[in-house]
């Protein structure tokens, strides 16, 4: 968020200098000030990300499975290698994401199966199955889903059937789970 906003301000300032030189009409100055105010309104004020009262609408995570593992049927898959966790709404210990506010969220999961084994997982919303994916024989499968969530709703990946071997390597991270707030 910061990089985009500061970069936008820099671009705007360069545009002003190149296009208009140093002398601007009052209407042009007003227009520039309004654009800068809009850009600054989106800057983080140091408050917690994902908190409804801050006006900050940022929450998202990406995590992967760090090594091959056997997952018991009906259990949550813990994606233990966290790449990012904006808002700290994903818990790698439990494998569960908790929605910080009402809104539309996007979730994606890719799992790879072990050679001669199978894996089937379900995207769960408050313990209810939404969509699933299935991989067999050292292949991968991906699911994507947009969910309408309420504050406090829980989303996770659960092992879905008797197929229960998930593959990953520390240096390649083949099996991943991610999600983010859309609006």
C-alpha atoms as a PDB file:
ATOM      1  CA  UNK A   1       0.000   0.000   0.000  1.00  0.00           C
ATOM      2  CA  UNK A   2       2.750   2.467   0.953  1.00  0.00           C
ATOM      3  CA  UNK A   3       4.845   1.730  -2.120  1.00  0.00           C
ATOM      4  CA  UNK A   4       1.887   2.266  -4.435  1.00  0.00           C
ATOM      5  CA  UNK A   5       0.827   5.533  -2.781  1.00  0.00           C
ATOM      6  CA  UNK A   6       4.302   7.067  -2.516  1.00  0.00           C
ATOM      7  CA  UNK A   7       5.081   5.948  -6.057  1.00  0.00           C
ATOM      8  CA  UNK A   8       1.810   7.551  -7.222  1.00  0.00           C
ATOM      9  CA  UNK A   9       2.708  10.820  -5.482  1.00  0.00           C
ATOM     10  CA  UNK A  10       6.151  10.754  -7.108  1.00  0.00           C
ATOM     11  CA  UNK A  11       4.599  10.128 -10.553  1.00  0.00           C
ATOM     12  CA  UNK A  12       2.082  12.926  -9.983  1.00  0.00           C
ATOM     13  CA  UNK A  13       4.854  15.358  -8.991  1.00  0.00           C
ATOM     14  CA  UNK A  14       6.928  14.373 -12.062  1.00  0.00           C
ATOM     15  CA  UNK A  15       3.851  14.886 -14.271  1.00  0.00           C
ATOM     16  CA  UNK A  16       3.310  18.349 -12.821  1.00  0.00           C
ATOM     17  CA  UNK A  17       6.943  19.369 -13.334  1.00  0.00           C
ATOM     18  CA  UNK A  18       7.228  17.995 -16.869  1.00  0.00           C
ATOM     19  CA  UNK A  19       3.788  19.008 -18.151  1.00  0.00           C
ATOM     20  CA  UNK A  20       3.169  22.300 -16.411  1.00  0.00           C
ATOM     21  CA  UNK A  21       6.545  23.640 -15.362  1.00  0.00           C
ATOM     22  CA  UNK A  22       6.655  25.669 -12.182  1.00  0.00           C
ATOM     23  CA  UNK A  23       3.737  28.038 -12.858  1.00  0.00           C
ATOM     24  CA  UNK A  24       0.245  26.561 -12.445  1.00  0.00           C
ATOM     25  CA  UNK A  25      -3.210  28.083 -12.671  1.00  0.00           C
ATOM     26  CA  UNK A  26      -5.360  28.036  -9.490  1.00  0.00           C
ATOM     27  CA  UNK A  27      -7.670  25.336 -10.893  1.00  0.00           C
ATOM     28  CA  UNK A  28      -4.669  23.118 -11.722  1.00  0.00           C
ATOM     29  CA  UNK A  29      -3.255  23.596  -8.206  1.00  0.00           C
ATOM     30  CA  UNK A  30      -6.628  22.694  -6.685  1.00  0.00           C
ATOM     31  CA  UNK A  31      -6.864  19.578  -8.842  1.00  0.00           C
ATOM     32  CA  UNK A  32      -3.360  18.481  -7.795  1.00  0.00           C
ATOM     33  CA  UNK A  33      -4.107  19.082  -4.102  1.00  0.00           C
ATOM     34  CA  UNK A  34      -7.292  16.999  -4.376  1.00  0.00           C
ATOM     35  CA  UNK A  35      -5.387  14.137  -6.042  1.00  0.00           C
ATOM     36  CA  UNK A  36      -2.740  14.245  -3.308  1.00  0.00           C
ATOM     37  CA  UNK A  37      -5.442  14.191  -0.598  1.00  0.00           C
ATOM     38  CA  UNK A  38      -7.012  11.104  -2.187  1.00  0.00           C
ATOM     39  CA  UNK A  39      -3.637   9.364  -2.293  1.00  0.00           C
ATOM     40  CA  UNK A  40      -2.842  10.280   1.309  1.00  0.00           C
ATOM     41  CA  UNK A  41      -6.253   9.111   2.568  1.00  0.00           C
ATOM     42  CA  UNK A  42      -5.203   5.565   1.703  1.00  0.00           C
ATOM     43  CA  UNK A  43      -1.970   5.669   3.707  1.00  0.00           C
ATOM     44  CA  UNK A  44      -1.680   3.539   6.854  1.00  0.00           C
ATOM     45  CA  UNK A  45      -1.891   5.615  10.027  1.00  0.00           C
ATOM     46  CA  UNK A  46      -0.015   3.096  12.141  1.00  0.00           C
ATOM     47  CA  UNK A  47      -3.173   1.370  13.348  1.00  0.00           C
ATOM     48  CA  UNK A  48      -3.681  -2.376  13.113  1.00  0.00           C
ATOM     49  CA  UNK A  49      -4.354  -3.738   9.613  1.00  0.00           C
ATOM     50  CA  UNK A  50      -7.751  -5.288   9.121  1.00  0.00           C
ATOM     51  CA  UNK A  51      -9.342  -3.240  11.920  1.00  0.00           C
ATOM     52  CA  UNK A  52     -12.719  -1.895  10.753  1.00  0.00           C
ATOM     53  CA  UNK A  53     -12.360   1.364  12.707  1.00  0.00           C
ATOM     54  CA  UNK A  54      -9.129   2.401  10.934  1.00  0.00           C
ATOM     55  CA  UNK A  55     -10.581   2.492   7.456  1.00  0.00           C
ATOM     56  CA  UNK A  56      -7.696   0.211   6.455  1.00  0.00           C
ATOM     57  CA  UNK A  57      -9.099  -2.587   4.324  1.00  0.00           C
ATOM     58  CA  UNK A  58      -6.049  -4.799   4.153  1.00  0.00           C
ATOM     59  CA  UNK A  59      -5.925  -8.463   5.099  1.00  0.00           C
ATOM     60  CA  UNK A  60      -4.249 -11.299   3.277  1.00  0.00           C
ATOM     61  CA  UNK A  61      -1.871 -14.212   3.633  1.00  0.00           C
ATOM     62  CA  UNK A  62       0.159 -16.762   1.716  1.00  0.00           C
ATOM     63  CA  UNK A  63       1.496 -19.934   3.302  1.00  0.00           C
ATOM     64  CA  UNK A  64       2.909 -23.229   2.103  1.00  0.00           C
ATOM     65  CA  UNK A  65       3.496 -26.730   3.398  1.00  0.00           C
ATOM     66  CA  UNK A  66       7.211 -26.947   4.196  1.00  0.00           C
ATOM     67  CA  UNK A  67       7.646 -30.727   3.798  1.00  0.00           C
ATOM     68  CA  UNK A  68       5.705 -33.824   2.673  1.00  0.00           C
ATOM     69  CA  UNK A  69       3.150 -34.952   5.221  1.00  0.00           C
ATOM     70  CA  UNK A  70       0.411 -37.387   5.997  1.00  0.00           C
ATOM     71  CA  UNK A  71      -2.836 -35.603   6.853  1.00  0.00           C
ATOM     72  CA  UNK A  72      -5.557 -37.406   8.800  1.00  0.00           C
ATOM     73  CA  UNK A  73      -9.024 -37.456   7.182  1.00  0.00           C
ATOM     74  CA  UNK A  74     -11.146 -34.533   8.379  1.00  0.00           C
ATOM     75  CA  UNK A  75      -8.223 -32.634   9.892  1.00  0.00           C
ATOM     76  CA  UNK A  76      -7.135 -29.124   8.964  1.00  0.00           C
ATOM     77  CA  UNK A  77      -4.047 -28.933   6.763  1.00  0.00           C
ATOM     78  CA  UNK A  78      -1.551 -26.635   8.460  1.00  0.00           C
ATOM     79  CA  UNK A  79       0.333 -24.576   5.908  1.00  0.00           C
ATOM     80  CA  UNK A  80       3.240 -23.844   8.212  1.00  0.00           C
ATOM     81  CA  UNK A  81       5.622 -21.739   6.122  1.00  0.00           C
ATOM     82  CA  UNK A  82       4.084 -18.257   6.154  1.00  0.00           C
ATOM     83  CA  UNK A  83       5.211 -15.996   3.318  1.00  0.00           C
ATOM     84  CA  UNK A  84       3.107 -13.044   4.410  1.00  0.00           C
ATOM     85  CA  UNK A  85       0.298 -12.453   6.864  1.00  0.00           C
ATOM     86  CA  UNK A  86      -0.978  -8.904   6.484  1.00  0.00           C
ATOM     87  CA  UNK A  87      -3.279  -8.214   9.423  1.00  0.00           C
ATOM     88  CA  UNK A  88      -2.173 -11.435  11.192  1.00  0.00           C
ATOM     89  CA  UNK A  89      -5.512 -13.121  10.453  1.00  0.00           C
ATOM     90  CA  UNK A  90      -4.007 -16.475   9.430  1.00  0.00           C
ATOM     91  CA  UNK A  91      -2.863 -18.769  12.255  1.00  0.00           C
ATOM     92  CA  UNK A  92      -0.159 -21.199  11.027  1.00  0.00           C
ATOM     93  CA  UNK A  93      -0.481 -23.259  14.226  1.00  0.00           C
ATOM     94  CA  UNK A  94      -4.123 -24.121  13.487  1.00  0.00           C
ATOM     95  CA  UNK A  95      -4.164 -23.536   9.692  1.00  0.00           C
ATOM     96  CA  UNK A  96      -7.229 -21.301  10.073  1.00  0.00           C
ATOM     97  CA  UNK A  97      -7.882 -17.830   8.624  1.00  0.00           C
ATOM     98  CA  UNK A  98     -10.317 -15.621  10.577  1.00  0.00           C
ATOM     99  CA  UNK A  99     -12.104 -12.816   8.703  1.00  0.00           C
ATOM    100  CA  UNK A 100     -11.344  -9.461  10.364  1.00  0.00           C
ATOM    101  CA  UNK A 101     -14.441  -7.788   8.882  1.00  0.00           C
ATOM    102  CA  UNK A 102     -17.488  -8.378   6.701  1.00  0.00           C
ATOM    103  CA  UNK A 103     -16.640  -8.530   3.005  1.00  0.00           C
ATOM    104  CA  UNK A 104     -15.782 -10.495  -0.104  1.00  0.00           C
ATOM    105  CA  UNK A 105     -12.617 -12.611   0.112  1.00  0.00           C
ATOM    106  CA  UNK A 106     -10.657 -14.627  -2.432  1.00  0.00           C
ATOM    107  CA  UNK A 107      -9.038 -17.948  -1.450  1.00  0.00           C
ATOM    108  CA  UNK A 108      -6.758 -20.215  -3.435  1.00  0.00           C
ATOM    109  CA  UNK A 109      -5.160 -23.553  -2.641  1.00  0.00           C
ATOM    110  CA  UNK A 110      -2.790 -25.728  -4.642  1.00  0.00           C
ATOM    111  CA  UNK A 111      -1.805 -29.151  -3.378  1.00  0.00           C
ATOM    112  CA  UNK A 112       0.555 -31.690  -4.871  1.00  0.00           C
ATOM    113  CA  UNK A 113       0.274 -35.422  -4.302  1.00  0.00           C
ATOM    114  CA  UNK A 114       3.129 -37.761  -3.492  1.00  0.00           C
ATOM    115  CA  UNK A 115       4.187 -40.312  -6.150  1.00  0.00           C
ATOM    116  CA  UNK A 116       1.657 -43.190  -6.250  1.00  0.00           C
ATOM    117  CA  UNK A 117      -0.504 -41.452  -3.599  1.00  0.00           C
ATOM    118  CA  UNK A 118      -3.574 -39.231  -3.637  1.00  0.00           C
ATOM    119  CA  UNK A 119      -4.678 -36.030  -1.945  1.00  0.00           C
ATOM    120  CA  UNK A 120      -8.153 -34.516  -1.761  1.00  0.00           C
ATOM    121  CA  UNK A 121      -8.776 -31.323   0.188  1.00  0.00           C
ATOM    122  CA  UNK A 122     -11.793 -29.115   0.822  1.00  0.00           C
ATOM    123  CA  UNK A 123     -12.025 -25.362   1.283  1.00  0.00           C
ATOM    124  CA  UNK A 124     -14.081 -24.979   4.453  1.00  0.00           C
ATOM    125  CA  UNK A 125     -16.108 -21.975   5.597  1.00  0.00           C
ATOM    126  CA  UNK A 126     -17.174 -22.300   9.236  1.00  0.00           C
ATOM    127  CA  UNK A 127     -16.858 -26.091   9.022  1.00  0.00           C
ATOM    128  CA  UNK A 128     -18.959 -26.297   5.843  1.00  0.00           C
ATOM    129  CA  UNK A 129     -17.397 -27.648   2.649  1.00  0.00           C
ATOM    130  CA  UNK A 130     -17.424 -25.247  -0.295  1.00  0.00           C
ATOM    131  CA  UNK A 131     -15.181 -26.591  -3.087  1.00  0.00           C
ATOM    132  CA  UNK A 132     -12.568 -29.333  -3.290  1.00  0.00           C
ATOM    133  CA  UNK A 133      -9.575 -30.405  -5.310  1.00  0.00           C
ATOM    134  CA  UNK A 134      -7.980 -33.778  -5.982  1.00  0.00           C
ATOM    135  CA  UNK A 135      -4.488 -34.738  -7.131  1.00  0.00           C
ATOM    136  CA  UNK A 136      -3.077 -38.170  -7.916  1.00  0.00           C
ATOM    137  CA  UNK A 137       0.369 -39.520  -8.738  1.00  0.00           C
ATOM    138  CA  UNK A 138       2.733 -36.584  -8.160  1.00  0.00           C
ATOM    139  CA  UNK A 139       0.421 -34.064  -9.803  1.00  0.00           C
ATOM    140  CA  UNK A 140      -1.113 -30.908  -8.430  1.00  0.00           C
ATOM    141  CA  UNK A 141      -4.607 -29.477  -8.268  1.00  0.00           C
ATOM    142  CA  UNK A 142      -5.786 -25.937  -7.585  1.00  0.00           C
ATOM    143  CA  UNK A 143      -9.000 -24.451  -6.258  1.00  0.00           C
ATOM    144  CA  UNK A 144     -10.089 -20.813  -6.243  1.00  0.00           C
ATOM    145  CA  UNK A 145     -13.164 -19.399  -4.575  1.00  0.00           C
ATOM    146  CA  UNK A 146     -14.640 -16.021  -3.694  1.00  0.00           C
ATOM    147  CA  UNK A 147     -16.501 -16.164  -0.381  1.00  0.00           C
ATOM    148  CA  UNK A 148     -18.790 -13.653   1.288  1.00  0.00           C
ATOM    149  CA  UNK A 149     -17.629 -13.633   4.914  1.00  0.00           C
ATOM    150  CA  UNK A 150     -18.801 -12.016   8.120  1.00  0.00           C
ATOM    151  CA  UNK A 151     -16.386 -10.801  10.779  1.00  0.00           C
ATOM    152  CA  UNK A 152     -15.139 -13.841  12.709  1.00  0.00           C
ATOM    153  CA  UNK A 153     -15.910 -16.430  10.011  1.00  0.00           C
ATOM    154  CA  UNK A 154     -13.271 -19.181   9.804  1.00  0.00           C
ATOM    155  CA  UNK A 155     -11.764 -20.488   6.555  1.00  0.00           C
ATOM    156  CA  UNK A 156      -9.359 -23.415   6.255  1.00  0.00           C
ATOM    157  CA  UNK A 157      -8.309 -26.362   4.117  1.00  0.00           C
ATOM    158  CA  UNK A 158      -9.322 -29.790   5.436  1.00  0.00           C
ATOM    159  CA  UNK A 159      -8.182 -33.157   4.230  1.00  0.00           C
ATOM    160  CA  UNK A 160     -11.293 -34.420   2.504  1.00  0.00           C
ATOM    161  CA  UNK A 161     -11.290 -38.176   2.118  1.00  0.00           C
ATOM    162  CA  UNK A 162      -9.156 -41.278   2.491  1.00  0.00           C
ATOM    163  CA  UNK A 163      -6.559 -39.749   0.147  1.00  0.00           C
ATOM    164  CA  UNK A 164      -4.186 -38.036   2.504  1.00  0.00           C
ATOM    165  CA  UNK A 165      -0.588 -37.519   1.327  1.00  0.00           C
ATOM    166  CA  UNK A 166       0.408 -33.938   0.570  1.00  0.00           C
ATOM    167  CA  UNK A 167       3.751 -33.151  -1.040  1.00  0.00           C
ATOM    168  CA  UNK A 168       6.085 -30.194  -0.784  1.00  0.00           C
ATOM    169  CA  UNK A 169       9.785 -29.496  -0.545  1.00  0.00           C
ATOM    170  CA  UNK A 170      11.480 -26.808   1.542  1.00  0.00           C
ATOM    171  CA  UNK A 171      13.031 -25.210  -1.545  1.00  0.00           C
ATOM    172  CA  UNK A 172      10.056 -25.517  -3.908  1.00  0.00           C
ATOM    173  CA  UNK A 173       6.851 -25.086  -1.850  1.00  0.00           C
ATOM    174  CA  UNK A 174       4.541 -26.993  -4.193  1.00  0.00           C
ATOM    175  CA  UNK A 175       1.504 -26.908  -1.880  1.00  0.00           C
ATOM    176  CA  UNK A 176       0.147 -23.473  -0.947  1.00  0.00           C
ATOM    177  CA  UNK A 177      -2.885 -21.729   0.595  1.00  0.00           C
ATOM    178  CA  UNK A 178      -3.616 -18.012   0.298  1.00  0.00           C
ATOM    179  CA  UNK A 179      -6.440 -15.580   0.777  1.00  0.00           C
ATOM    180  CA  UNK A 180      -7.154 -11.874   0.791  1.00  0.00           C
ATOM    181  CA  UNK A 181      -9.922  -9.342   1.348  1.00  0.00           C
ATOM    182  CA  UNK A 182     -11.344  -8.010  -1.922  1.00  0.00           C
ATOM    183  CA  UNK A 183     -13.748  -5.423  -0.509  1.00  0.00           C
END
